N, C-alpha and C. Protein backbone atom coordinates (compact mmCIF):
# COMPACT_ATOMS: atom_id res chain seq x y z
N SER A 1 -7.27 -56.65 -83.13
CA SER A 1 -5.83 -56.78 -82.98
C SER A 1 -5.06 -58.23 -83.77
N SER A 2 -4.90 -58.19 -84.07
CA SER A 2 -4.39 -59.99 -84.88
C SER A 2 -3.15 -60.36 -84.37
N GLY A 3 -2.30 -59.52 -83.79
CA GLY A 3 -1.15 -60.23 -82.89
C GLY A 3 -1.55 -60.56 -81.88
N ILE A 4 -0.15 -61.06 -80.98
CA ILE A 4 -0.49 -61.18 -79.55
C ILE A 4 0.60 -60.21 -78.51
N ASN A 5 -0.42 -59.85 -77.75
CA ASN A 5 0.49 -58.45 -77.58
C ASN A 5 0.51 -58.59 -76.18
N ALA A 6 1.81 -57.52 -75.71
CA ALA A 6 2.38 -57.43 -74.71
C ALA A 6 1.99 -55.51 -74.14
N GLU A 7 1.58 -55.69 -72.07
CA GLU A 7 1.72 -54.59 -72.59
C GLU A 7 2.61 -54.31 -71.17
N TYR A 8 2.96 -52.64 -70.60
CA TYR A 8 3.25 -51.69 -69.59
C TYR A 8 3.05 -51.42 -69.35
N GLY A 9 3.39 -50.70 -67.79
CA GLY A 9 2.44 -49.69 -67.50
C GLY A 9 3.93 -49.02 -66.69
N ASP A 10 3.86 -47.94 -66.38
CA ASP A 10 5.07 -47.94 -65.30
C ASP A 10 4.29 -46.63 -64.30
N ALA A 11 5.71 -46.04 -63.39
CA ALA A 11 5.56 -45.43 -62.43
C ALA A 11 5.44 -43.82 -62.71
N TYR A 12 5.19 -43.65 -63.76
CA TYR A 12 5.60 -42.11 -64.62
C TYR A 12 4.02 -41.60 -65.72
N GLY A 13 3.36 -43.43 -65.60
CA GLY A 13 2.52 -42.94 -66.02
C GLY A 13 2.16 -43.58 -67.66
N VAL A 14 2.98 -44.25 -67.90
CA VAL A 14 3.04 -43.97 -69.58
C VAL A 14 3.08 -45.69 -69.61
N VAL A 15 2.51 -45.55 -70.70
CA VAL A 15 1.85 -46.88 -71.37
C VAL A 15 2.01 -47.95 -72.36
N LYS A 16 2.81 -48.96 -72.66
CA LYS A 16 3.34 -49.89 -74.17
C LYS A 16 2.64 -50.22 -73.94
N ILE A 17 2.73 -51.08 -75.54
CA ILE A 17 1.83 -51.81 -76.01
C ILE A 17 3.33 -52.34 -77.05
N TRP A 18 3.36 -53.88 -77.20
CA TRP A 18 3.89 -54.69 -78.13
C TRP A 18 3.61 -55.82 -79.27
N ASP A 19 3.67 -56.33 -80.11
CA ASP A 19 3.28 -56.57 -80.40
C ASP A 19 4.50 -58.00 -80.38
N VAL A 20 4.20 -59.65 -79.88
CA VAL A 20 4.70 -60.14 -79.87
C VAL A 20 5.18 -60.92 -81.18
N ARG A 21 4.56 -60.99 -81.83
CA ARG A 21 4.05 -62.41 -83.19
C ARG A 21 5.08 -61.34 -84.22
N GLY A 22 5.33 -60.39 -83.90
CA GLY A 22 6.04 -58.95 -84.60
C GLY A 22 6.85 -58.73 -84.69
N GLY A 23 7.35 -60.12 -83.41
CA GLY A 23 9.34 -59.90 -83.82
C GLY A 23 9.41 -58.64 -82.52
N GLY A 24 8.42 -58.41 -81.40
CA GLY A 24 8.48 -57.37 -80.48
C GLY A 24 8.42 -55.89 -80.53
N THR A 25 7.61 -55.53 -82.23
CA THR A 25 7.84 -54.01 -82.47
C THR A 25 6.99 -53.19 -81.45
N GLU A 26 7.15 -52.32 -80.68
CA GLU A 26 6.04 -51.83 -80.11
C GLU A 26 5.30 -51.31 -81.12
N VAL A 27 4.58 -51.12 -81.00
CA VAL A 27 2.94 -50.32 -81.67
C VAL A 27 2.13 -49.18 -80.97
N GLY A 28 2.57 -49.02 -79.74
CA GLY A 28 1.43 -47.82 -79.10
C GLY A 28 2.67 -47.67 -77.58
N SER A 29 2.29 -46.68 -77.94
CA SER A 29 3.22 -45.79 -76.40
C SER A 29 2.42 -45.06 -76.05
N TYR A 30 1.38 -44.74 -75.14
CA TYR A 30 0.32 -44.00 -74.69
C TYR A 30 1.16 -43.05 -73.10
N ASP A 31 0.94 -41.86 -72.92
CA ASP A 31 0.86 -41.01 -71.61
C ASP A 31 -0.41 -40.38 -70.42
N PHE A 32 -0.49 -40.96 -69.74
CA PHE A 32 -1.51 -40.59 -68.51
C PHE A 32 -0.81 -40.28 -67.40
N GLU A 33 0.49 -39.51 -67.66
CA GLU A 33 1.00 -39.29 -66.56
C GLU A 33 0.08 -37.60 -66.40
N PRO A 34 0.05 -37.65 -64.49
CA PRO A 34 1.33 -37.82 -64.03
C PRO A 34 0.88 -38.63 -62.81
N HIS A 35 -0.33 -39.40 -63.02
CA HIS A 35 -0.81 -40.42 -62.04
C HIS A 35 -0.08 -41.93 -62.28
N PRO A 36 0.48 -42.55 -61.87
CA PRO A 36 0.99 -44.01 -61.86
C PRO A 36 0.34 -44.78 -62.44
N VAL A 37 0.27 -46.01 -62.91
CA VAL A 37 -0.51 -47.22 -63.71
C VAL A 37 -0.49 -47.85 -62.73
N ASN A 38 -1.49 -48.47 -61.86
CA ASN A 38 -1.02 -49.35 -61.33
C ASN A 38 -1.44 -51.49 -62.03
N SER A 39 -2.03 -51.34 -62.80
CA SER A 39 -2.68 -52.39 -63.49
C SER A 39 -3.04 -52.28 -65.04
N VAL A 40 -2.65 -52.88 -66.28
CA VAL A 40 -2.50 -53.19 -67.44
C VAL A 40 -3.43 -54.44 -67.53
N SER A 41 -4.58 -54.13 -68.58
CA SER A 41 -5.24 -55.85 -68.98
C SER A 41 -6.16 -55.72 -70.52
N PHE A 42 -6.23 -56.68 -70.84
CA PHE A 42 -6.92 -56.74 -72.50
C PHE A 42 -7.82 -57.45 -72.03
N ASP A 43 -8.81 -56.93 -72.97
CA ASP A 43 -10.08 -57.79 -73.40
C ASP A 43 -9.45 -58.97 -73.70
N ALA A 44 -10.55 -59.89 -74.10
CA ALA A 44 -9.91 -61.16 -74.82
C ALA A 44 -10.20 -60.63 -76.34
N SER A 45 -10.60 -59.81 -76.70
CA SER A 45 -10.06 -59.57 -78.24
C SER A 45 -8.94 -58.79 -78.77
N GLY A 46 -8.38 -58.37 -77.27
CA GLY A 46 -6.94 -57.76 -77.46
C GLY A 46 -6.74 -56.47 -77.95
N ALA A 47 -8.60 -55.97 -78.63
CA ALA A 47 -8.75 -54.47 -79.42
C ALA A 47 -8.82 -53.08 -77.79
N CYS A 48 -9.17 -54.01 -77.21
CA CYS A 48 -9.11 -52.77 -75.67
C CYS A 48 -8.53 -52.97 -74.67
N LEU A 49 -7.36 -51.95 -74.36
CA LEU A 49 -6.72 -51.93 -72.57
C LEU A 49 -7.50 -51.45 -71.50
N ALA A 50 -7.65 -52.26 -70.20
CA ALA A 50 -8.08 -51.44 -69.03
C ALA A 50 -6.83 -50.98 -68.33
N VAL A 51 -6.72 -49.22 -67.91
CA VAL A 51 -5.17 -49.12 -67.03
C VAL A 51 -5.95 -48.72 -66.14
N SER A 52 -5.78 -48.81 -65.01
CA SER A 52 -6.06 -48.60 -63.35
C SER A 52 -4.96 -47.57 -62.47
N SER A 53 -5.21 -46.47 -62.43
CA SER A 53 -4.14 -45.66 -62.07
C SER A 53 -4.92 -45.16 -60.42
N ASN A 54 -3.46 -43.90 -59.63
CA ASN A 54 -4.03 -44.00 -58.26
C ASN A 54 -5.01 -42.86 -58.67
N ASP A 55 -5.19 -42.11 -60.01
CA ASP A 55 -6.76 -41.57 -59.92
C ASP A 55 -8.04 -41.32 -59.50
N GLY A 56 -7.67 -42.79 -59.31
CA GLY A 56 -9.26 -43.30 -58.81
C GLY A 56 -9.83 -43.21 -59.90
N THR A 57 -9.47 -43.50 -61.24
CA THR A 57 -10.20 -43.71 -62.73
C THR A 57 -9.19 -45.23 -63.26
N VAL A 58 -10.27 -45.62 -64.03
CA VAL A 58 -9.91 -46.77 -65.59
C VAL A 58 -10.03 -46.13 -66.68
N LYS A 59 -8.60 -46.32 -67.21
CA LYS A 59 -8.56 -45.74 -68.29
C LYS A 59 -8.80 -46.78 -70.28
N MET A 60 -9.85 -46.67 -70.15
CA MET A 60 -10.66 -47.75 -71.42
C MET A 60 -9.90 -47.09 -73.12
N LEU A 61 -8.60 -48.01 -72.94
CA LEU A 61 -7.65 -48.00 -74.45
C LEU A 61 -8.15 -48.43 -75.36
N GLU A 62 -8.88 -47.65 -76.79
CA GLU A 62 -9.20 -48.70 -78.02
C GLU A 62 -7.64 -48.82 -78.38
N VAL A 63 -7.22 -49.38 -78.75
CA VAL A 63 -5.72 -49.83 -79.18
C VAL A 63 -5.95 -49.18 -80.19
N GLU A 64 -6.38 -49.75 -81.91
CA GLU A 64 -6.45 -49.72 -83.36
C GLU A 64 -6.51 -47.93 -83.33
N LYS A 65 -7.57 -47.34 -82.80
CA LYS A 65 -7.96 -45.75 -82.80
C LYS A 65 -6.51 -45.13 -82.09
N GLY A 66 -6.22 -45.53 -80.56
CA GLY A 66 -5.27 -44.91 -79.79
C GLY A 66 -6.29 -43.93 -78.87
N THR A 67 -7.59 -44.24 -79.05
CA THR A 67 -8.54 -43.27 -77.67
C THR A 67 -9.15 -43.41 -76.41
N ALA A 68 -9.21 -42.85 -75.89
CA ALA A 68 -9.23 -43.10 -74.63
C ALA A 68 -10.48 -43.13 -73.97
N ALA A 69 -11.39 -43.43 -73.65
CA ALA A 69 -12.40 -42.97 -72.75
C ALA A 69 -12.51 -43.38 -70.75
N GLU A 70 -12.84 -42.89 -70.00
CA GLU A 70 -12.17 -42.86 -68.51
C GLU A 70 -13.85 -43.17 -67.89
N LEU A 71 -13.21 -44.05 -67.34
CA LEU A 71 -14.23 -44.30 -66.09
C LEU A 71 -13.95 -44.31 -64.47
N GLY A 72 -14.96 -43.35 -63.91
CA GLY A 72 -14.71 -42.89 -62.63
C GLY A 72 -15.43 -43.31 -61.79
N GLY A 73 -15.49 -43.09 -60.57
CA GLY A 73 -16.41 -43.94 -59.45
C GLY A 73 -15.67 -43.74 -58.40
N HIS A 74 -14.39 -44.30 -58.16
CA HIS A 74 -13.56 -44.78 -57.09
C HIS A 74 -13.41 -43.27 -56.28
N ASP A 75 -13.05 -43.10 -55.34
CA ASP A 75 -12.95 -42.64 -54.20
C ASP A 75 -10.74 -42.36 -53.85
N ASP A 76 -10.19 -43.60 -54.40
CA ASP A 76 -9.02 -43.19 -54.30
C ASP A 76 -7.78 -43.75 -55.05
N GLY A 77 -6.98 -44.78 -55.21
CA GLY A 77 -6.58 -45.27 -56.62
C GLY A 77 -6.90 -46.40 -57.04
N VAL A 78 -6.94 -46.26 -57.57
CA VAL A 78 -7.58 -48.09 -58.47
C VAL A 78 -6.50 -48.68 -58.30
N GLN A 79 -6.14 -50.13 -57.43
CA GLN A 79 -5.02 -50.83 -57.75
C GLN A 79 -5.58 -51.93 -58.86
N ALA A 80 -5.94 -52.14 -59.55
CA ALA A 80 -5.95 -53.70 -60.10
C ALA A 80 -7.71 -53.37 -61.03
N ALA A 81 -7.66 -53.49 -62.02
CA ALA A 81 -9.24 -53.82 -63.78
C ALA A 81 -8.49 -55.24 -64.36
N PHE A 82 -9.70 -55.68 -64.59
CA PHE A 82 -9.76 -57.08 -65.35
C PHE A 82 -10.80 -57.47 -65.82
N PHE A 83 -10.68 -57.77 -67.08
CA PHE A 83 -12.08 -58.03 -67.74
C PHE A 83 -11.94 -59.50 -67.09
N SER A 84 -13.10 -59.65 -67.75
CA SER A 84 -14.08 -60.95 -67.68
C SER A 84 -14.10 -61.56 -68.63
N ARG A 85 -13.79 -63.38 -68.79
CA ARG A 85 -13.41 -63.90 -69.74
C ARG A 85 -13.86 -63.55 -70.86
N ASP A 86 -15.28 -63.05 -71.47
CA ASP A 86 -15.90 -63.31 -72.22
C ASP A 86 -16.00 -61.71 -72.83
N GLY A 87 -15.39 -60.69 -72.12
CA GLY A 87 -15.15 -59.49 -72.43
C GLY A 87 -16.39 -58.52 -71.76
N ASP A 88 -17.19 -59.36 -71.45
CA ASP A 88 -18.48 -58.28 -71.09
C ASP A 88 -18.54 -57.29 -69.45
N MET A 89 -18.19 -58.08 -69.00
CA MET A 89 -17.59 -56.89 -67.45
C MET A 89 -16.29 -56.75 -67.43
N LEU A 90 -16.07 -55.82 -66.74
CA LEU A 90 -14.38 -55.42 -66.56
C LEU A 90 -15.09 -54.88 -64.75
N VAL A 91 -13.97 -55.89 -64.12
CA VAL A 91 -14.34 -55.27 -62.60
C VAL A 91 -12.59 -54.35 -61.88
N SER A 92 -12.97 -53.86 -60.97
CA SER A 92 -11.99 -52.12 -61.35
C SER A 92 -12.26 -52.45 -59.13
N GLY A 93 -10.55 -52.46 -58.44
CA GLY A 93 -10.50 -52.77 -57.09
C GLY A 93 -9.50 -51.62 -56.73
N SER A 94 -10.54 -50.87 -55.74
CA SER A 94 -9.51 -49.60 -55.46
C SER A 94 -9.19 -49.33 -54.11
N SER A 95 -8.34 -48.80 -53.37
CA SER A 95 -8.06 -48.12 -52.45
C SER A 95 -9.02 -47.86 -51.20
N ASP A 96 -10.21 -47.39 -51.85
CA ASP A 96 -11.18 -46.75 -51.21
C ASP A 96 -12.05 -47.79 -50.62
N LEU A 97 -11.63 -49.15 -50.72
CA LEU A 97 -11.89 -50.70 -50.23
C LEU A 97 -13.56 -51.38 -51.09
N THR A 98 -13.62 -51.02 -52.37
CA THR A 98 -14.61 -50.42 -53.27
C THR A 98 -13.98 -51.51 -54.73
N VAL A 99 -14.64 -51.98 -55.37
CA VAL A 99 -14.94 -53.34 -56.16
C VAL A 99 -16.36 -52.10 -56.98
N LYS A 100 -15.89 -52.41 -58.02
CA LYS A 100 -16.99 -51.62 -58.79
C LYS A 100 -16.90 -52.27 -60.10
N VAL A 101 -17.93 -52.68 -61.14
CA VAL A 101 -18.39 -53.76 -62.03
C VAL A 101 -18.93 -52.93 -63.21
N TRP A 102 -18.38 -53.16 -64.13
CA TRP A 102 -18.46 -52.49 -65.40
C TRP A 102 -19.37 -52.82 -66.63
N SER A 103 -20.33 -52.58 -67.22
CA SER A 103 -20.81 -54.08 -68.56
C SER A 103 -21.23 -53.14 -69.63
């Protein structure tokens, strides 16, 4: 991603991404309903977006392709997911009182 992106996730499972340098143009909208989005976080390159959800998963969204892979393993809603600064790891925390490190 060449611009600086802003992201948003809502209680209906919708994630939107805007290109801030491009005048605030919406560059993508993704629907992960029916589960609310709890957090969204870009990796350092801006190419991948982690979306945490109440369904116990983290969706890994490849922004340019518009495709998503799902990381499971939590037994309850994932409240947060964030990339390490170098982008080599993703950490997710769940209401099941577990933290997972993905690489």
